[in-house]
mmCIF file of all heavy atoms, coordinates in Angstrom:
data_MODEL
# 
_entry.id   MODEL 
# 
loop_
_atom_site.group_PDB 
_atom_site.id 
_atom_site.type_symbol 
_atom_site.label_atom_id 
_atom_site.label_alt_id 
_atom_site.label_comp_id 
_atom_site.label_asym_id 
_atom_site.label_entity_id 
_atom_site.label_seq_id 
_atom_site.pdbx_PDB_ins_code 
_atom_site.Cartn_x 
_atom_site.Cartn_y 
_atom_site.Cartn_z 
_atom_site.occupancy 
_atom_site.B_iso_or_equiv 
_atom_site.pdbx_formal_charge 
_atom_site.auth_seq_id 
_atom_site.auth_comp_id 
_atom_site.auth_asym_id 
_atom_site.auth_atom_id 
_atom_site.pdbx_PDB_model_num 
ATOM 1   N N   . PHE A 1 1  ? -74.253 -4.580 -51.022 1.00 0.00 ? 1  PHE A N   1 
ATOM 2   C CA  . PHE A 1 1  ? -75.383 -3.835 -51.463 1.00 0.00 ? 1  PHE A CA  1 
ATOM 3   C C   . PHE A 1 1  ? -74.974 -2.464 -52.028 1.00 0.00 ? 1  PHE A C   1 
ATOM 4   O O   . PHE A 1 1  ? -75.459 -2.036 -53.107 1.00 0.00 ? 1  PHE A O   1 
ATOM 5   C CB  . PHE A 1 1  ? -76.451 -3.628 -50.366 1.00 0.00 ? 1  PHE A CB  1 
ATOM 6   C CG  . PHE A 1 1  ? -77.575 -2.740 -50.727 1.00 0.00 ? 1  PHE A CG  1 
ATOM 7   C CD1 . PHE A 1 1  ? -78.578 -3.185 -51.604 1.00 0.00 ? 1  PHE A CD1 1 
ATOM 8   C CD2 . PHE A 1 1  ? -77.651 -1.443 -50.219 1.00 0.00 ? 1  PHE A CD2 1 
ATOM 9   C CE1 . PHE A 1 1  ? -79.639 -2.355 -51.936 1.00 0.00 ? 1  PHE A CE1 1 
ATOM 10  C CE2 . PHE A 1 1  ? -78.722 -0.640 -50.575 1.00 0.00 ? 1  PHE A CE2 1 
ATOM 11  C CZ  . PHE A 1 1  ? -79.727 -1.102 -51.441 1.00 0.00 ? 1  PHE A CZ  1 
ATOM 12  N N   . ALA A 1 2  ? -74.103 -1.759 -51.299 1.00 0.00 ? 2  ALA A N   1 
ATOM 13  C CA  . ALA A 1 2  ? -73.626 -0.389 -51.756 1.00 0.00 ? 2  ALA A CA  1 
ATOM 14  C C   . ALA A 1 2  ? -72.876 -0.541 -53.064 1.00 0.00 ? 2  ALA A C   1 
ATOM 15  O O   . ALA A 1 2  ? -72.980 0.350  -53.942 1.00 0.00 ? 2  ALA A O   1 
ATOM 16  C CB  . ALA A 1 2  ? -72.817 0.236  -50.661 1.00 0.00 ? 2  ALA A CB  1 
ATOM 17  N N   . ALA A 1 3  ? -72.054 -1.558 -53.165 1.00 0.00 ? 3  ALA A N   1 
ATOM 18  C CA  . ALA A 1 3  ? -71.257 -1.787 -54.443 1.00 0.00 ? 3  ALA A CA  1 
ATOM 19  C C   . ALA A 1 3  ? -72.211 -2.044 -55.600 1.00 0.00 ? 3  ALA A C   1 
ATOM 20  O O   . ALA A 1 3  ? -71.985 -1.518 -56.697 1.00 0.00 ? 3  ALA A O   1 
ATOM 21  C CB  . ALA A 1 3  ? -70.299 -2.920 -54.235 1.00 0.00 ? 3  ALA A CB  1 
ATOM 22  N N   . LEU A 1 4  ? -73.260 -2.811 -55.404 1.00 0.00 ? 4  LEU A N   1 
ATOM 23  C CA  . LEU A 1 4  ? -74.220 -3.019 -56.449 1.00 0.00 ? 4  LEU A CA  1 
ATOM 24  C C   . LEU A 1 4  ? -74.929 -1.698 -56.815 1.00 0.00 ? 4  LEU A C   1 
ATOM 25  O O   . LEU A 1 4  ? -75.158 -1.454 -58.026 1.00 0.00 ? 4  LEU A O   1 
ATOM 26  C CB  . LEU A 1 4  ? -75.262 -4.085 -56.040 1.00 0.00 ? 4  LEU A CB  1 
ATOM 27  C CG  . LEU A 1 4  ? -74.780 -5.511 -55.969 1.00 0.00 ? 4  LEU A CG  1 
ATOM 28  C CD1 . LEU A 1 4  ? -75.840 -6.459 -55.412 1.00 0.00 ? 4  LEU A CD1 1 
ATOM 29  C CD2 . LEU A 1 4  ? -74.359 -5.911 -57.426 1.00 0.00 ? 4  LEU A CD2 1 
ATOM 30  N N   . ARG A 1 5  ? -75.216 -0.902 -55.876 1.00 0.00 ? 5  ARG A N   1 
ATOM 31  C CA  . ARG A 1 5  ? -75.846 0.417  -56.133 1.00 0.00 ? 5  ARG A CA  1 
ATOM 32  C C   . ARG A 1 5  ? -74.972 1.326  -56.914 1.00 0.00 ? 5  ARG A C   1 
ATOM 33  O O   . ARG A 1 5  ? -75.368 2.141  -57.719 1.00 0.00 ? 5  ARG A O   1 
ATOM 34  C CB  . ARG A 1 5  ? -76.386 1.053  -54.858 1.00 0.00 ? 5  ARG A CB  1 
ATOM 35  C CG  . ARG A 1 5  ? -77.539 0.386  -54.218 1.00 0.00 ? 5  ARG A CG  1 
ATOM 36  C CD  . ARG A 1 5  ? -78.769 0.341  -55.125 1.00 0.00 ? 5  ARG A CD  1 
ATOM 37  N NE  . ARG A 1 5  ? -79.172 1.692  -55.394 1.00 0.00 ? 5  ARG A NE  1 
ATOM 38  C CZ  . ARG A 1 5  ? -79.921 2.024  -56.455 1.00 0.00 ? 5  ARG A CZ  1 
ATOM 39  N NH1 . ARG A 1 5  ? -80.174 1.166  -57.373 1.00 0.00 ? 5  ARG A NH1 1 
ATOM 40  N NH2 . ARG A 1 5  ? -80.279 3.317  -56.697 1.00 0.00 ? 5  ARG A NH2 1 
ATOM 41  N N   . VAL A 1 6  ? -73.640 1.260  -56.690 1.00 0.00 ? 6  VAL A N   1 
ATOM 42  C CA  . VAL A 1 6  ? -72.680 2.092  -57.347 1.00 0.00 ? 6  VAL A CA  1 
ATOM 43  C C   . VAL A 1 6  ? -72.780 1.775  -58.858 1.00 0.00 ? 6  VAL A C   1 
ATOM 44  O O   . VAL A 1 6  ? -72.734 2.635  -59.706 1.00 0.00 ? 6  VAL A O   1 
ATOM 45  C CB  . VAL A 1 6  ? -71.253 1.867  -56.810 1.00 0.00 ? 6  VAL A CB  1 
ATOM 46  C CG1 . VAL A 1 6  ? -70.198 2.453  -57.764 1.00 0.00 ? 6  VAL A CG1 1 
ATOM 47  C CG2 . VAL A 1 6  ? -71.077 2.412  -55.491 1.00 0.00 ? 6  VAL A CG2 1 
ATOM 48  N N   . VAL A 1 7  ? -72.872 0.472  -59.156 1.00 0.00 ? 7  VAL A N   1 
ATOM 49  C CA  . VAL A 1 7  ? -72.885 0.045  -60.569 1.00 0.00 ? 7  VAL A CA  1 
ATOM 50  C C   . VAL A 1 7  ? -74.259 0.287  -61.230 1.00 0.00 ? 7  VAL A C   1 
ATOM 51  O O   . VAL A 1 7  ? -74.315 0.639  -62.392 1.00 0.00 ? 7  VAL A O   1 
ATOM 52  C CB  . VAL A 1 7  ? -72.473 -1.465 -60.651 1.00 0.00 ? 7  VAL A CB  1 
ATOM 53  C CG1 . VAL A 1 7  ? -72.543 -1.959 -62.055 1.00 0.00 ? 7  VAL A CG1 1 
ATOM 54  C CG2 . VAL A 1 7  ? -71.078 -1.639 -60.096 1.00 0.00 ? 7  VAL A CG2 1 
ATOM 55  N N   . THR A 1 8  ? -75.294 0.120  -60.533 1.00 0.00 ? 8  THR A N   1 
ATOM 56  C CA  . THR A 1 8  ? -76.650 0.164  -61.112 1.00 0.00 ? 8  THR A CA  1 
ATOM 57  C C   . THR A 1 8  ? -77.350 1.538  -61.081 1.00 0.00 ? 8  THR A C   1 
ATOM 58  O O   . THR A 1 8  ? -78.271 1.672  -61.875 1.00 0.00 ? 8  THR A O   1 
ATOM 59  C CB  . THR A 1 8  ? -77.570 -0.880 -60.410 1.00 0.00 ? 8  THR A CB  1 
ATOM 60  O OG1 . THR A 1 8  ? -77.602 -0.539 -59.037 1.00 0.00 ? 8  THR A OG1 1 
ATOM 61  C CG2 . THR A 1 8  ? -77.079 -2.268 -60.591 1.00 0.00 ? 8  THR A CG2 1 
ATOM 62  N N   . THR A 1 9  ? -76.876 2.449  -60.293 1.00 0.00 ? 9  THR A N   1 
ATOM 63  C CA  . THR A 1 9  ? -77.537 3.699  -60.218 1.00 0.00 ? 9  THR A CA  1 
ATOM 64  C C   . THR A 1 9  ? -77.230 4.547  -61.493 1.00 0.00 ? 9  THR A C   1 
ATOM 65  O O   . THR A 1 9  ? -76.198 4.437  -62.111 1.00 0.00 ? 9  THR A O   1 
ATOM 66  C CB  . THR A 1 9  ? -77.178 4.514  -59.005 1.00 0.00 ? 9  THR A CB  1 
ATOM 67  O OG1 . THR A 1 9  ? -78.016 5.636  -58.841 1.00 0.00 ? 9  THR A OG1 1 
ATOM 68  C CG2 . THR A 1 9  ? -75.730 4.944  -59.031 1.00 0.00 ? 9  THR A CG2 1 
ATOM 69  N N   . ARG A 1 10 ? -78.140 5.350  -61.930 1.00 0.00 ? 10 ARG A N   1 
ATOM 70  C CA  . ARG A 1 10 ? -78.017 6.106  -63.162 1.00 0.00 ? 10 ARG A CA  1 
ATOM 71  C C   . ARG A 1 10 ? -77.385 7.485  -62.931 1.00 0.00 ? 10 ARG A C   1 
ATOM 72  O O   . ARG A 1 10 ? -76.716 7.996  -63.778 1.00 0.00 ? 10 ARG A O   1 
ATOM 73  C CB  . ARG A 1 10 ? -79.366 6.398  -63.809 1.00 0.00 ? 10 ARG A CB  1 
ATOM 74  C CG  . ARG A 1 10 ? -80.043 5.138  -64.361 1.00 0.00 ? 10 ARG A CG  1 
ATOM 75  C CD  . ARG A 1 10 ? -81.306 5.470  -65.041 1.00 0.00 ? 10 ARG A CD  1 
ATOM 76  N NE  . ARG A 1 10 ? -81.864 4.302  -65.768 1.00 0.00 ? 10 ARG A NE  1 
ATOM 77  C CZ  . ARG A 1 10 ? -81.585 3.982  -66.965 1.00 0.00 ? 10 ARG A CZ  1 
ATOM 78  N NH1 . ARG A 1 10 ? -80.745 4.707  -67.690 1.00 0.00 ? 10 ARG A NH1 1 
ATOM 79  N NH2 . ARG A 1 10 ? -82.123 2.883  -67.506 1.00 0.00 ? 10 ARG A NH2 1 
ATOM 80  N N   . ASN A 1 11 ? -77.572 8.130  -61.717 1.00 0.00 ? 11 ASN A N   1 
ATOM 81  C CA  . ASN A 1 11 ? -76.999 9.343  -61.470 1.00 0.00 ? 11 ASN A CA  1 
ATOM 82  C C   . ASN A 1 11 ? -75.537 9.214  -60.913 1.00 0.00 ? 11 ASN A C   1 
ATOM 83  O O   . ASN A 1 11 ? -75.340 8.492  -59.973 1.00 0.00 ? 11 ASN A O   1 
ATOM 84  C CB  . ASN A 1 11 ? -77.876 10.056 -60.412 1.00 0.00 ? 11 ASN A CB  1 
ATOM 85  C CG  . ASN A 1 11 ? -77.519 11.498 -60.157 1.00 0.00 ? 11 ASN A CG  1 
ATOM 86  O OD1 . ASN A 1 11 ? -76.457 11.914 -60.582 1.00 0.00 ? 11 ASN A OD1 1 
ATOM 87  N ND2 . ASN A 1 11 ? -78.450 12.234 -59.594 1.00 0.00 ? 11 ASN A ND2 1 
ATOM 88  N N   . PRO A 1 12 ? -74.586 9.874  -61.547 1.00 0.00 ? 12 PRO A N   1 
ATOM 89  C CA  . PRO A 1 12 ? -73.142 9.713  -61.134 1.00 0.00 ? 12 PRO A CA  1 
ATOM 90  C C   . PRO A 1 12 ? -72.976 10.252 -59.723 1.00 0.00 ? 12 PRO A C   1 
ATOM 91  O O   . PRO A 1 12 ? -72.030 9.722  -59.027 1.00 0.00 ? 12 PRO A O   1 
ATOM 92  C CB  . PRO A 1 12 ? -72.343 10.433 -62.179 1.00 0.00 ? 12 PRO A CB  1 
ATOM 93  C CG  . PRO A 1 12 ? -73.329 11.340 -62.838 1.00 0.00 ? 12 PRO A CG  1 
ATOM 94  C CD  . PRO A 1 12 ? -74.637 10.683 -62.735 1.00 0.00 ? 12 PRO A CD  1 
ATOM 95  N N   . VAL A 1 13 ? -73.640 11.279 -59.290 1.00 0.00 ? 13 VAL A N   1 
ATOM 96  C CA  . VAL A 1 13 ? -73.447 11.804 -57.969 1.00 0.00 ? 13 VAL A CA  1 
ATOM 97  C C   . VAL A 1 13 ? -73.942 10.821 -56.959 1.00 0.00 ? 13 VAL A C   1 
ATOM 98  O O   . VAL A 1 13 ? -73.291 10.569 -55.945 1.00 0.00 ? 13 VAL A O   1 
ATOM 99  C CB  . VAL A 1 13 ? -74.177 13.180 -57.834 1.00 0.00 ? 13 VAL A CB  1 
ATOM 100 C CG1 . VAL A 1 13 ? -74.093 13.697 -56.409 1.00 0.00 ? 13 VAL A CG1 1 
ATOM 101 C CG2 . VAL A 1 13 ? -73.618 14.163 -58.853 1.00 0.00 ? 13 VAL A CG2 1 
ATOM 102 N N   . HIS A 1 14 ? -75.125 10.137 -57.239 1.00 0.00 ? 14 HIS A N   1 
ATOM 103 C CA  . HIS A 1 14 ? -75.592 9.138  -56.326 1.00 0.00 ? 14 HIS A CA  1 
ATOM 104 C C   . HIS A 1 14 ? -74.707 7.982  -56.268 1.00 0.00 ? 14 HIS A C   1 
ATOM 105 O O   . HIS A 1 14 ? -74.456 7.336  -55.204 1.00 0.00 ? 14 HIS A O   1 
ATOM 106 C CB  . HIS A 1 14 ? -77.021 8.709  -56.729 1.00 0.00 ? 14 HIS A CB  1 
ATOM 107 C CG  . HIS A 1 14 ? -78.040 9.703  -56.635 1.00 0.00 ? 14 HIS A CG  1 
ATOM 108 N ND1 . HIS A 1 14 ? -79.325 9.609  -57.125 1.00 0.00 ? 14 HIS A ND1 1 
ATOM 109 C CD2 . HIS A 1 14 ? -78.027 10.880 -55.922 1.00 0.00 ? 14 HIS A CD2 1 
ATOM 110 C CE1 . HIS A 1 14 ? -80.013 10.683 -56.852 1.00 0.00 ? 14 HIS A CE1 1 
ATOM 111 N NE2 . HIS A 1 14 ? -79.209 11.499 -56.139 1.00 0.00 ? 14 HIS A NE2 1 
ATOM 112 N N   . ALA A 1 15 ? -74.051 7.626  -57.405 1.00 0.00 ? 15 ALA A N   1 
ATOM 113 C CA  . ALA A 1 15 ? -73.087 6.522  -57.425 1.00 0.00 ? 15 ALA A CA  1 
ATOM 114 C C   . ALA A 1 15 ? -71.860 6.861  -56.590 1.00 0.00 ? 15 ALA A C   1 
ATOM 115 O O   . ALA A 1 15 ? -71.331 6.014  -55.878 1.00 0.00 ? 15 ALA A O   1 
ATOM 116 C CB  . ALA A 1 15 ? -72.681 6.219  -58.882 1.00 0.00 ? 15 ALA A CB  1 
ATOM 117 N N   . ALA A 1 16 ? -71.448 8.119  -56.615 1.00 0.00 ? 16 ALA A N   1 
ATOM 118 C CA  . ALA A 1 16 ? -70.267 8.468  -55.794 1.00 0.00 ? 16 ALA A CA  1 
ATOM 119 C C   . ALA A 1 16 ? -70.685 8.407  -54.297 1.00 0.00 ? 16 ALA A C   1 
ATOM 120 O O   . ALA A 1 16 ? -69.819 8.026  -53.458 1.00 0.00 ? 16 ALA A O   1 
ATOM 121 C CB  . ALA A 1 16 ? -69.891 9.922  -56.132 1.00 0.00 ? 16 ALA A CB  1 
ATOM 122 N N   . LEU A 1 17 ? -71.917 8.775  -53.936 1.00 0.00 ? 17 LEU A N   1 
ATOM 123 C CA  . LEU A 1 17 ? -72.285 8.672  -52.519 1.00 0.00 ? 17 LEU A CA  1 
ATOM 124 C C   . LEU A 1 17 ? -72.426 7.316  -52.121 1.00 0.00 ? 17 LEU A C   1 
ATOM 125 O O   . LEU A 1 17 ? -72.039 6.923  -50.896 1.00 0.00 ? 17 LEU A O   1 
ATOM 126 C CB  . LEU A 1 17 ? -73.601 9.446  -52.300 1.00 0.00 ? 17 LEU A CB  1 
ATOM 127 C CG  . LEU A 1 17 ? -73.523 10.981 -52.505 1.00 0.00 ? 17 LEU A CG  1 
ATOM 128 C CD1 . LEU A 1 17 ? -74.884 11.579 -52.440 1.00 0.00 ? 17 LEU A CD1 1 
ATOM 129 C CD2 . LEU A 1 17 ? -72.592 11.567 -51.579 1.00 0.00 ? 17 LEU A CD2 1 
ATOM 130 N N   . TRP A 1 18 ? -72.873 6.355  -52.971 1.00 0.00 ? 18 TRP A N   1 
ATOM 131 C CA  . TRP A 1 18 ? -72.902 4.896  -52.617 1.00 0.00 ? 18 TRP A CA  1 
ATOM 132 C C   . TRP A 1 18 ? -71.476 4.418  -52.460 1.00 0.00 ? 18 TRP A C   1 
ATOM 133 O O   . TRP A 1 18 ? -71.175 3.584  -51.590 1.00 0.00 ? 18 TRP A O   1 
ATOM 134 C CB  . TRP A 1 18 ? -73.636 4.097  -53.696 1.00 0.00 ? 18 TRP A CB  1 
ATOM 135 C CG  . TRP A 1 18 ? -75.132 4.201  -53.615 1.00 0.00 ? 18 TRP A CG  1 
ATOM 136 C CD1 . TRP A 1 18 ? -75.961 4.829  -54.452 1.00 0.00 ? 18 TRP A CD1 1 
ATOM 137 C CD2 . TRP A 1 18 ? -75.978 3.664  -52.549 1.00 0.00 ? 18 TRP A CD2 1 
ATOM 138 N NE1 . TRP A 1 18 ? -77.250 4.702  -53.984 1.00 0.00 ? 18 TRP A NE1 1 
ATOM 139 C CE2 . TRP A 1 18 ? -77.274 4.031  -52.844 1.00 0.00 ? 18 TRP A CE2 1 
ATOM 140 C CE3 . TRP A 1 18 ? -75.733 2.964  -51.395 1.00 0.00 ? 18 TRP A CE3 1 
ATOM 141 C CZ2 . TRP A 1 18 ? -78.319 3.639  -52.073 1.00 0.00 ? 18 TRP A CZ2 1 
ATOM 142 C CZ3 . TRP A 1 18 ? -76.774 2.566  -50.597 1.00 0.00 ? 18 TRP A CZ3 1 
ATOM 143 C CH2 . TRP A 1 18 ? -78.099 2.924  -50.954 1.00 0.00 ? 18 TRP A CH2 1 
ATOM 144 N N   . LEU A 1 19 ? -70.542 4.935  -53.208 1.00 0.00 ? 19 LEU A N   1 
ATOM 145 C CA  . LEU A 1 19 ? -69.170 4.559  -53.090 1.00 0.00 ? 19 LEU A CA  1 
ATOM 146 C C   . LEU A 1 19 ? -68.588 4.977  -51.771 1.00 0.00 ? 19 LEU A C   1 
ATOM 147 O O   . LEU A 1 19 ? -67.726 4.325  -51.221 1.00 0.00 ? 19 LEU A O   1 
ATOM 148 C CB  . LEU A 1 19 ? -68.344 5.064  -54.251 1.00 0.00 ? 19 LEU A CB  1 
ATOM 149 C CG  . LEU A 1 19 ? -66.927 4.514  -54.519 1.00 0.00 ? 19 LEU A CG  1 
ATOM 150 C CD1 . LEU A 1 19 ? -67.027 2.994  -54.687 1.00 0.00 ? 19 LEU A CD1 1 
ATOM 151 C CD2 . LEU A 1 19 ? -66.301 5.155  -55.743 1.00 0.00 ? 19 LEU A CD2 1 
ATOM 152 N N   . VAL A 1 20 ? -68.983 6.143  -51.316 1.00 0.00 ? 20 VAL A N   1 
ATOM 153 C CA  . VAL A 1 20 ? -68.607 6.603  -49.979 1.00 0.00 ? 20 VAL A CA  1 
ATOM 154 C C   . VAL A 1 20 ? -69.054 5.585  -48.876 1.00 0.00 ? 20 VAL A C   1 
ATOM 155 O O   . VAL A 1 20 ? -68.260 5.292  -47.982 1.00 0.00 ? 20 VAL A O   1 
ATOM 156 C CB  . VAL A 1 20 ? -69.121 7.990  -49.680 1.00 0.00 ? 20 VAL A CB  1 
ATOM 157 C CG1 . VAL A 1 20 ? -68.953 8.399  -48.236 1.00 0.00 ? 20 VAL A CG1 1 
ATOM 158 C CG2 . VAL A 1 20 ? -68.457 9.070  -50.586 1.00 0.00 ? 20 VAL A CG2 1 
ATOM 159 N N   . LEU A 1 21 ? -70.258 5.117  -49.019 1.00 0.00 ? 21 LEU A N   1 
ATOM 160 C CA  . LEU A 1 21 ? -70.726 4.112  -48.071 1.00 0.00 ? 21 LEU A CA  1 
ATOM 161 C C   . LEU A 1 21 ? -69.890 2.851  -48.221 1.00 0.00 ? 21 LEU A C   1 
ATOM 162 O O   . LEU A 1 21 ? -69.609 2.191  -47.174 1.00 0.00 ? 21 LEU A O   1 
ATOM 163 C CB  . LEU A 1 21 ? -72.197 3.789  -48.358 1.00 0.00 ? 21 LEU A CB  1 
ATOM 164 C CG  . LEU A 1 21 ? -72.852 2.790  -47.429 1.00 0.00 ? 21 LEU A CG  1 
ATOM 165 C CD1 . LEU A 1 21 ? -72.825 3.184  -45.950 1.00 0.00 ? 21 LEU A CD1 1 
ATOM 166 C CD2 . LEU A 1 21 ? -74.246 2.459  -47.868 1.00 0.00 ? 21 LEU A CD2 1 
ATOM 167 N N   . CYS A 1 22 ? -69.501 2.446  -49.392 1.00 0.00 ? 22 CYS A N   1 
ATOM 168 C CA  . CYS A 1 22 ? -68.657 1.284  -49.577 1.00 0.00 ? 22 CYS A CA  1 
ATOM 169 C C   . CYS A 1 22 ? -67.327 1.497  -48.802 1.00 0.00 ? 22 CYS A C   1 
ATOM 170 O O   . CYS A 1 22 ? -66.822 0.568  -48.109 1.00 0.00 ? 22 CYS A O   1 
ATOM 171 C CB  . CYS A 1 22 ? -68.317 1.081  -51.030 1.00 0.00 ? 22 CYS A CB  1 
ATOM 172 S SG  . CYS A 1 22 ? -69.645 0.393  -52.053 1.00 0.00 ? 22 CYS A SG  1 
ATOM 173 N N   . PHE A 1 23 ? -66.730 2.667  -48.953 1.00 0.00 ? 23 PHE A N   1 
ATOM 174 C CA  . PHE A 1 23 ? -65.461 2.918  -48.278 1.00 0.00 ? 23 PHE A CA  1 
ATOM 175 C C   . PHE A 1 23 ? -65.643 2.887  -46.735 1.00 0.00 ? 23 PHE A C   1 
ATOM 176 O O   . PHE A 1 23 ? -64.736 2.386  -46.071 1.00 0.00 ? 23 PHE A O   1 
ATOM 177 C CB  . PHE A 1 23 ? -64.904 4.290  -48.764 1.00 0.00 ? 23 PHE A CB  1 
ATOM 178 C CG  . PHE A 1 23 ? -64.385 4.290  -50.146 1.00 0.00 ? 23 PHE A CG  1 
ATOM 179 C CD1 . PHE A 1 23 ? -64.510 5.423  -50.937 1.00 0.00 ? 23 PHE A CD1 1 
ATOM 180 C CD2 . PHE A 1 23 ? -63.799 3.150  -50.689 1.00 0.00 ? 23 PHE A CD2 1 
ATOM 181 C CE1 . PHE A 1 23 ? -64.009 5.402  -52.224 1.00 0.00 ? 23 PHE A CE1 1 
ATOM 182 C CE2 . PHE A 1 23 ? -63.284 3.104  -51.939 1.00 0.00 ? 23 PHE A CE2 1 
ATOM 183 C CZ  . PHE A 1 23 ? -63.471 4.270  -52.759 1.00 0.00 ? 23 PHE A CZ  1 
ATOM 184 N N   . PHE A 1 24 ? -66.732 3.418  -46.269 1.00 0.00 ? 24 PHE A N   1 
ATOM 185 C CA  . PHE A 1 24 ? -66.899 3.426  -44.797 1.00 0.00 ? 24 PHE A CA  1 
ATOM 186 C C   . PHE A 1 24 ? -67.121 1.965  -44.279 1.00 0.00 ? 24 PHE A C   1 
ATOM 187 O O   . PHE A 1 24 ? -66.540 1.632  -43.284 1.00 0.00 ? 24 PHE A O   1 
ATOM 188 C CB  . PHE A 1 24 ? -68.148 4.285  -44.387 1.00 0.00 ? 24 PHE A CB  1 
ATOM 189 C CG  . PHE A 1 24 ? -67.762 5.717  -44.134 1.00 0.00 ? 24 PHE A CG  1 
ATOM 190 C CD1 . PHE A 1 24 ? -68.220 6.685  -44.952 1.00 0.00 ? 24 PHE A CD1 1 
ATOM 191 C CD2 . PHE A 1 24 ? -66.960 6.089  -43.062 1.00 0.00 ? 24 PHE A CD2 1 
ATOM 192 C CE1 . PHE A 1 24 ? -67.882 8.038  -44.768 1.00 0.00 ? 24 PHE A CE1 1 
ATOM 193 C CE2 . PHE A 1 24 ? -66.635 7.389  -42.840 1.00 0.00 ? 24 PHE A CE2 1 
ATOM 194 C CZ  . PHE A 1 24 ? -67.081 8.372  -43.682 1.00 0.00 ? 24 PHE A CZ  1 
# 
């Protein structure tokens, strides 16, 4: 779910925060 949000979100800062969740 977090990886999909990284790709689909429009805001790059939000994408980076979703990527942090992916890493965790």
